[in-house]
Amino acid sequence: MNFSIFMKRTTTGGLLHELADIYRDSECIVSRSRGIRLTYSQLDLMVDCAAAEMLESGVRPGMKAGLFAINSPQWLITMFALQRIGAIPVTVNPNLKAIELEYIIG
């Protein structure tokens, strides 16, 4: 595979758009435990929808947004959506104790 075509993009969101154009109907996420199968184009559309909802709710470029969740397709959609609008995802381990979480939020 020639990865040089992806070097043109400077954002993760741009990379996802590029992959969706190339691998449109190929599966990119399979979660057997959740019964989810998504193609690149489906993921790209879901990320666009999530990004629009985030913008409507007040998330803005440059804003830090905590991502407190387990590994799941929804986590990936949220991460891409935050990056697509220019927000800064701050991943937070969901196994942290309350005092550790308070420190991170502070």
Protein backbone atom coordinates (compact mmCIF):
# COMPACT_ATOMS: atom_id res chain seq x y z
CA MET A 1 0.00 0.00 0.00
CA ASN A 2 1.23 3.48 -0.85
CA PHE A 3 0.88 5.53 2.33
CA SER A 4 2.30 8.69 0.78
CA ILE A 5 -1.18 9.73 -0.38
CA PHE A 6 -2.16 10.20 3.28
CA MET A 7 0.72 12.54 3.99
CA LYS A 8 -1.14 15.35 2.18
CA ARG A 9 -3.62 15.64 5.02
CA THR A 10 -2.61 17.35 8.22
CA THR A 11 -5.48 16.24 10.45
CA THR A 12 -6.89 12.93 11.59
CA GLY A 13 -10.29 14.04 10.34
CA GLY A 14 -8.81 14.67 6.91
CA LEU A 15 -7.27 11.23 6.92
CA LEU A 16 -10.64 9.65 7.67
CA HIS A 17 -12.21 11.55 4.75
CA GLU A 18 -9.43 10.29 2.47
CA LEU A 19 -9.86 6.70 3.64
CA ALA A 20 -13.64 6.93 3.20
CA ASP A 21 -13.12 8.10 -0.39
CA ILE A 22 -10.77 5.21 -1.15
CA TYR A 23 -12.27 2.34 0.88
CA ARG A 24 -15.90 3.53 0.89
CA ASP A 25 -17.71 0.19 1.38
CA SER A 26 -14.91 -1.73 3.10
CA GLU A 27 -15.38 -2.55 6.76
CA CYS A 28 -13.22 -0.55 9.13
CA ILE A 29 -14.86 -1.29 12.50
CA VAL A 30 -16.14 -4.65 13.61
CA SER A 31 -17.32 -5.08 17.18
CA ARG A 32 -18.71 -8.56 17.65
CA SER A 33 -19.55 -7.96 21.31
CA ARG A 34 -21.72 -4.94 20.37
CA GLY A 35 -22.99 -6.33 17.06
CA ILE A 36 -21.56 -3.37 15.14
CA ARG A 37 -20.05 -3.41 11.66
CA LEU A 38 -19.20 -0.09 10.03
CA THR A 39 -17.72 0.74 6.66
CA TYR A 40 -15.36 3.66 6.18
CA SER A 41 -18.13 5.76 4.63
CA GLN A 42 -20.52 4.96 7.51
CA LEU A 43 -17.87 5.90 10.06
CA ASP A 44 -17.11 9.13 8.21
CA LEU A 45 -20.81 10.07 8.18
CA MET A 46 -21.22 9.23 11.87
CA VAL A 47 -18.20 11.37 12.71
CA ASP A 48 -19.66 14.28 10.71
CA CYS A 49 -22.98 13.96 12.58
CA ALA A 50 -21.25 13.78 15.98
CA ALA A 51 -19.06 16.78 15.12
CA ALA A 52 -22.13 18.82 14.13
CA GLU A 53 -23.84 17.92 17.40
CA MET A 54 -20.75 18.91 19.37
CA LEU A 55 -20.59 22.29 17.62
CA GLU A 56 -24.28 22.84 18.35
CA SER A 57 -23.69 22.07 22.02
CA GLY A 58 -20.87 24.61 22.30
CA VAL A 59 -17.67 22.64 21.70
CA ARG A 60 -15.27 24.90 19.79
CA PRO A 61 -11.89 24.59 18.06
CA GLY A 62 -9.05 24.67 20.57
CA MET A 63 -11.31 23.66 23.45
CA LYS A 64 -10.18 20.69 25.56
CA ALA A 65 -12.77 17.94 25.87
CA GLY A 66 -12.41 15.02 28.25
CA LEU A 67 -13.13 11.62 26.77
CA PHE A 68 -13.99 9.37 29.70
CA ALA A 69 -15.04 6.06 28.18
CA ILE A 70 -14.08 2.47 27.55
CA ASN A 71 -12.68 1.31 24.23
CA SER A 72 -15.66 1.10 21.87
CA PRO A 73 -16.80 2.20 18.42
CA GLN A 74 -18.47 5.20 20.11
CA TRP A 75 -15.12 6.19 21.63
CA LEU A 76 -13.53 6.19 18.19
CA ILE A 77 -16.40 8.23 16.69
CA THR A 78 -16.12 10.77 19.50
CA MET A 79 -12.35 11.02 19.16
CA PHE A 80 -12.55 11.60 15.39
CA ALA A 81 -15.42 14.10 15.82
CA LEU A 82 -13.47 16.16 18.36
CA GLN A 83 -10.47 16.23 16.09
CA ARG A 84 -12.57 17.07 13.06
CA ILE A 85 -13.86 20.28 14.67
CA GLY A 86 -10.43 21.18 16.01
CA ALA A 87 -11.12 20.44 19.66
CA ILE A 88 -8.44 18.79 21.77
CA PRO A 89 -9.42 15.32 22.98
CA VAL A 90 -8.15 14.54 26.46
CA THR A 91 -8.45 10.82 27.00
CA VAL A 92 -9.17 9.85 30.57
CA ASN A 93 -8.79 6.31 31.88
CA PRO A 94 -12.23 5.14 33.07
CA ASN A 95 -10.53 3.01 35.73
CA LEU A 96 -9.27 6.03 37.65
CA LYS A 97 -10.30 6.59 41.23
CA ALA A 98 -12.41 9.66 42.06
CA ILE A 99 -9.45 11.53 43.56
CA GLU A 100 -7.37 10.91 40.43
CA LEU A 101 -10.19 12.13 38.21
CA GLU A 102 -10.61 15.25 40.33
CA TYR A 103 -6.91 16.01 39.88
CA ILE A 104 -7.13 15.67 36.08
CA ILE A 105 -10.25 17.85 35.85
CA GLY A 106 -8.63 20.47 38.08
